[in-house]
Protein backbone atom coordinates (compact mmCIF):
# COMPACT_ATOMS: atom_id res chain seq x y z
CA MET A 1 176.54 117.49 227.69
CA ASN A 2 173.92 115.68 225.56
CA THR A 3 170.41 116.13 224.15
CA ASP A 4 168.75 115.29 227.49
CA ASP A 5 170.82 117.98 229.24
CA LEU A 6 169.86 120.55 226.62
CA GLU A 7 166.18 119.69 226.90
CA GLU A 8 166.30 120.08 230.70
CA LYS A 9 168.02 123.47 230.49
CA LEU A 10 165.57 124.63 227.80
CA ALA A 11 162.64 123.77 230.07
CA ARG A 12 164.29 125.71 232.92
CA LEU A 13 164.83 128.75 230.68
CA HIS A 14 161.21 128.69 229.50
CA ALA A 15 159.93 128.45 233.08
CA ILE A 16 161.99 131.47 234.19
CA GLU A 17 160.76 133.57 231.24
CA GLU A 18 157.15 132.72 232.10
CA ASP A 19 157.58 133.72 235.74
CA LEU A 20 160.35 136.28 235.67
CA PRO A 21 161.60 137.43 239.10
CA GLU A 22 160.44 140.94 239.97
CA SER A 23 164.04 142.11 240.12
CA LEU A 24 164.40 141.38 236.39
CA LEU A 25 161.10 142.76 235.11
CA HIS A 26 162.91 145.84 233.81
CA LEU A 27 164.53 143.59 231.19
CA ARG A 28 161.23 142.85 229.49
CA LYS A 29 161.05 143.97 225.86
CA TYR A 30 158.09 145.00 223.75
CA ASP A 31 157.48 141.36 222.84
CA GLU A 32 157.28 140.43 226.54
CA PHE A 33 160.42 138.30 226.39
CA VAL A 34 163.92 139.06 227.59
CA ILE A 35 165.86 136.62 225.43
CA PHE A 36 166.41 137.79 221.86
CA GLY A 37 164.30 135.93 219.28
CA ALA A 38 161.93 134.32 221.80
CA CYS A 39 159.04 136.27 220.29
CA THR A 40 159.55 134.15 217.15
CA HIS A 41 159.77 130.64 218.60
CA LEU A 42 157.95 131.23 221.94
CA TYR A 43 160.15 128.51 223.47
CA ARG A 44 158.13 125.88 221.61
CA SER A 45 159.79 122.96 219.83
CA ARG A 46 158.27 120.43 217.47
CA PRO A 47 160.07 117.11 216.86
CA GLN A 48 160.84 116.57 213.20
CA ASP A 49 159.72 113.29 211.69
CA GLU A 50 162.56 111.02 210.59
CA ALA A 51 160.84 110.52 207.24
CA ASP A 52 160.68 114.29 206.69
CA ILE A 53 164.38 114.64 207.46
CA ALA A 54 165.22 111.81 205.06
CA ALA A 55 163.06 113.41 202.37
CA VAL A 56 164.87 116.75 202.75
CA GLU A 57 168.23 114.98 202.59
CA ALA A 58 167.25 113.22 199.36
CA GLU A 59 165.78 116.38 197.85
CA LEU A 60 168.75 118.61 198.67
CA GLY A 61 171.48 116.00 198.28
CA VAL A 62 172.82 116.45 201.82
CA GLU A 63 173.25 114.29 204.91
CA ILE A 64 172.24 115.56 208.35
CA GLN A 65 174.24 113.69 210.95
CA GLY A 66 175.07 113.41 214.62
CA ASP A 67 173.85 115.45 217.56
CA TYR A 68 171.86 117.90 215.44
CA ARG A 69 169.80 115.13 213.84
CA ASP A 70 169.21 113.52 217.24
CA PHE A 71 168.08 116.86 218.67
CA LEU A 72 165.67 117.45 215.77
CA THR A 73 163.95 114.09 216.21
CA ARG A 74 163.82 114.11 220.02
CA VAL A 75 163.37 117.79 220.97
CA GLY A 76 162.66 119.41 217.63
CA ALA A 77 162.91 122.57 215.59
CA GLY A 78 161.69 125.83 217.06
CA ALA A 79 163.11 127.03 220.40
CA GLY A 80 166.75 127.90 220.06
CA PRO A 81 169.36 130.56 219.37
CA TYR A 82 168.45 133.75 217.52
CA HIS A 83 165.02 133.23 215.90
CA GLY A 84 165.06 129.50 216.61
CA LEU A 85 165.93 126.30 214.75
CA LEU A 86 164.52 125.95 211.25
CA THR A 87 161.94 123.25 210.54
CA MET A 88 162.42 120.97 207.55
CA ALA A 89 159.81 123.01 205.65
CA GLU A 90 161.70 126.23 206.43
CA LEU A 91 164.96 124.59 205.37
CA ARG A 92 163.38 123.68 202.03
CA ASP A 93 162.29 127.28 201.52
CA TRP A 94 165.75 128.59 202.39
CA ALA A 95 167.46 126.11 200.02
CA GLU A 96 165.22 126.80 197.03
CA ASP A 97 167.30 127.03 193.83
CA MET A 98 170.55 126.37 195.73
CA LYS A 99 173.02 123.57 194.99
CA LEU A 100 174.05 122.19 198.37
CA ALA A 101 175.54 118.80 197.53
CA GLY A 102 179.05 119.99 196.65
CA GLU A 103 182.16 120.12 198.82
CA PHE A 104 182.32 122.77 201.54
CA PRO A 105 185.25 124.95 200.42
CA PHE A 106 186.85 125.86 203.77
CA THR A 107 189.39 123.72 205.60
CA ARG A 108 190.29 123.17 209.24
CA ALA A 109 193.28 125.47 208.66
CA ASP A 110 190.87 128.19 207.46
CA ALA A 111 188.76 127.74 210.58
CA HIS A 112 191.74 128.09 212.92
CA ARG A 113 193.06 131.11 211.03
CA VAL A 114 189.75 133.01 211.04
CA HIS A 115 189.06 132.13 214.68
CA GLN A 116 192.47 133.54 215.67
CA GLU A 117 191.89 136.66 213.56
CA LEU A 118 188.60 137.20 215.40
CA GLN A 119 190.32 136.75 218.77
CA ASP A 120 192.91 139.38 217.80
CA TRP A 121 190.49 141.79 216.10
CA GLN A 122 189.88 145.24 217.53
CA PRO A 123 187.08 147.37 216.00
CA GLY A 124 188.32 150.56 214.42
CA PHE A 125 185.18 152.53 215.22
CA ALA A 126 181.82 152.14 216.98
CA HIS A 127 179.98 150.44 214.13
CA ASP A 128 182.88 148.37 212.79
CA TRP A 129 182.46 144.59 212.60
CA PHE A 130 184.52 141.51 211.84
CA LYS A 131 183.81 140.21 208.32
CA GLY A 132 185.53 136.82 208.31
CA ILE A 133 186.08 135.17 204.93
CA GLU A 134 184.53 137.44 202.32
CA VAL A 135 182.99 135.13 199.71
CA ARG A 136 179.53 134.62 198.26
CA LYS A 137 176.65 133.51 200.49
CA ASP A 138 175.53 130.44 198.51
CA LEU A 139 178.40 128.07 199.26
CA PRO A 140 177.88 124.32 198.69
CA GLY A 141 178.24 121.66 201.36
CA CYS A 142 176.22 123.32 204.13
CA ILE A 143 172.65 124.06 205.22
CA ALA A 144 171.03 126.78 207.31
CA ILE A 145 169.82 125.72 210.75
CA SER A 146 168.98 129.10 212.35
CA GLU A 147 168.13 132.59 211.11
CA GLN A 148 170.01 135.25 213.05
CA GLY A 149 168.11 138.21 211.64
CA CYS A 150 168.83 140.66 208.81
CA THR A 151 171.08 138.69 206.44
CA GLY A 152 172.65 136.31 208.96
CA PHE A 153 172.30 132.54 209.34
CA THR A 154 174.00 129.79 211.32
CA MET A 155 175.14 127.10 208.90
CA LEU A 156 175.80 123.38 209.46
CA VAL A 157 178.57 121.94 207.29
CA THR A 158 177.53 118.64 205.68
CA THR A 159 180.61 117.75 203.56
CA GLY A 160 184.40 117.96 203.69
CA GLU A 161 186.78 117.85 206.61
CA LEU A 162 184.65 120.33 208.58
CA ALA A 163 181.43 118.28 208.32
CA GLY A 164 179.40 118.67 211.52
CA THR A 165 180.81 122.09 212.40
CA LEU A 166 178.84 125.34 212.48
CA TRP A 167 179.62 128.63 210.73
CA ASP A 168 178.11 132.10 210.95
CA MET A 169 177.25 133.59 207.56
CA ASP A 170 175.90 136.95 206.43
CA GLU A 171 176.30 139.22 203.43
CA TRP A 172 179.72 140.32 204.69
CA GLY A 173 181.43 136.97 205.16
CA TRP A 174 181.85 133.64 206.94
CA MET A 175 183.42 132.69 210.27
CA PRO A 176 183.27 129.75 212.71
CA ALA A 177 180.06 130.08 214.72
CA ARG A 178 180.28 132.20 217.84
CA ALA A 179 178.22 131.72 220.98
CA PRO A 180 174.70 132.89 220.02
CA SER A 181 173.60 136.27 221.29
CA SER A 182 170.83 136.26 223.90
CA GLY A 183 170.35 140.01 223.88
CA ILE A 184 171.61 142.06 226.82
CA PRO A 185 175.39 141.58 227.23
CA ARG A 186 176.48 140.17 230.57
CA GLY A 187 179.95 138.85 231.16
CA LYS A 188 182.54 137.54 228.72
CA PRO A 189 181.12 135.61 225.73
CA ILE A 190 181.71 131.86 225.63
CA ASP A 191 184.47 130.91 223.19
CA LEU A 192 183.37 127.89 221.12
CA GLY A 193 186.77 127.52 219.45
CA PRO A 194 187.53 127.22 215.72
CA THR A 195 185.40 124.15 215.00
CA PRO A 196 182.16 124.46 217.03
CA THR A 197 179.52 121.75 216.78
CA PHE A 198 175.79 121.76 217.54
CA ILE A 199 175.68 120.65 221.20
CA PRO A 200 178.21 123.22 222.53
CA TRP A 201 176.64 125.96 220.36
CA TYR A 202 173.11 125.31 221.63
CA ASP A 203 174.33 124.89 225.20
CA ALA A 204 176.19 128.22 225.00
CA TRP A 205 172.87 129.90 224.14
CA LEU A 206 171.12 128.21 227.06
CA THR A 207 173.96 128.98 229.47
CA GLU A 208 174.15 132.66 228.50
CA SER A 209 170.35 133.03 228.52
CA LEU A 210 170.03 131.47 231.97
CA ARG A 211 172.84 133.71 233.20
CA LYS A 212 170.89 136.76 232.03
CA LEU A 213 167.75 135.59 233.81
CA THR A 214 169.42 134.76 237.10
CA PRO A 215 169.25 137.65 239.60
């Protein structure tokens, strides 16, 4: 799986949403989209200029590497999990007054431990939820790449032994990123493991979304 594969699957998902089979019309929401968050990004992506990315890196003291950087420059910010991928301007707004250049505090051992705890977790009541590592929200060594809604974000680690991995963060805690929600549950969620990276995370969203839109 690479950036070209993701771009092809994204185009297929957009085409299905635009011409939804009659058998799935009952899934339409008030915003006229089935997939959660599509009303925000409208399946539109805008490539991010390399100079803009470099400027954000210099300003925030971080380094954006690998598949995520390649995706930003070739496909772009916008269409993606939850409410979409943040643009460089949105990332600047999110990072205002934050110190991001330090060392990300979690280790690979932490990631494996929390992932296993999530696998073993059973909710105690209907509105119970897994909290992960309960620490403050403004940890160093990571940047937000997607807003999940309410207080949640998907974070990309930029320093330390977990650099390049993704974490879910909200006001309750931190945990290795799970497969992004597409809305209506259908089938068993994709397990991204304890150290998920951008390509599998984005592909899990595409895969689950296409599954929901396939009669």
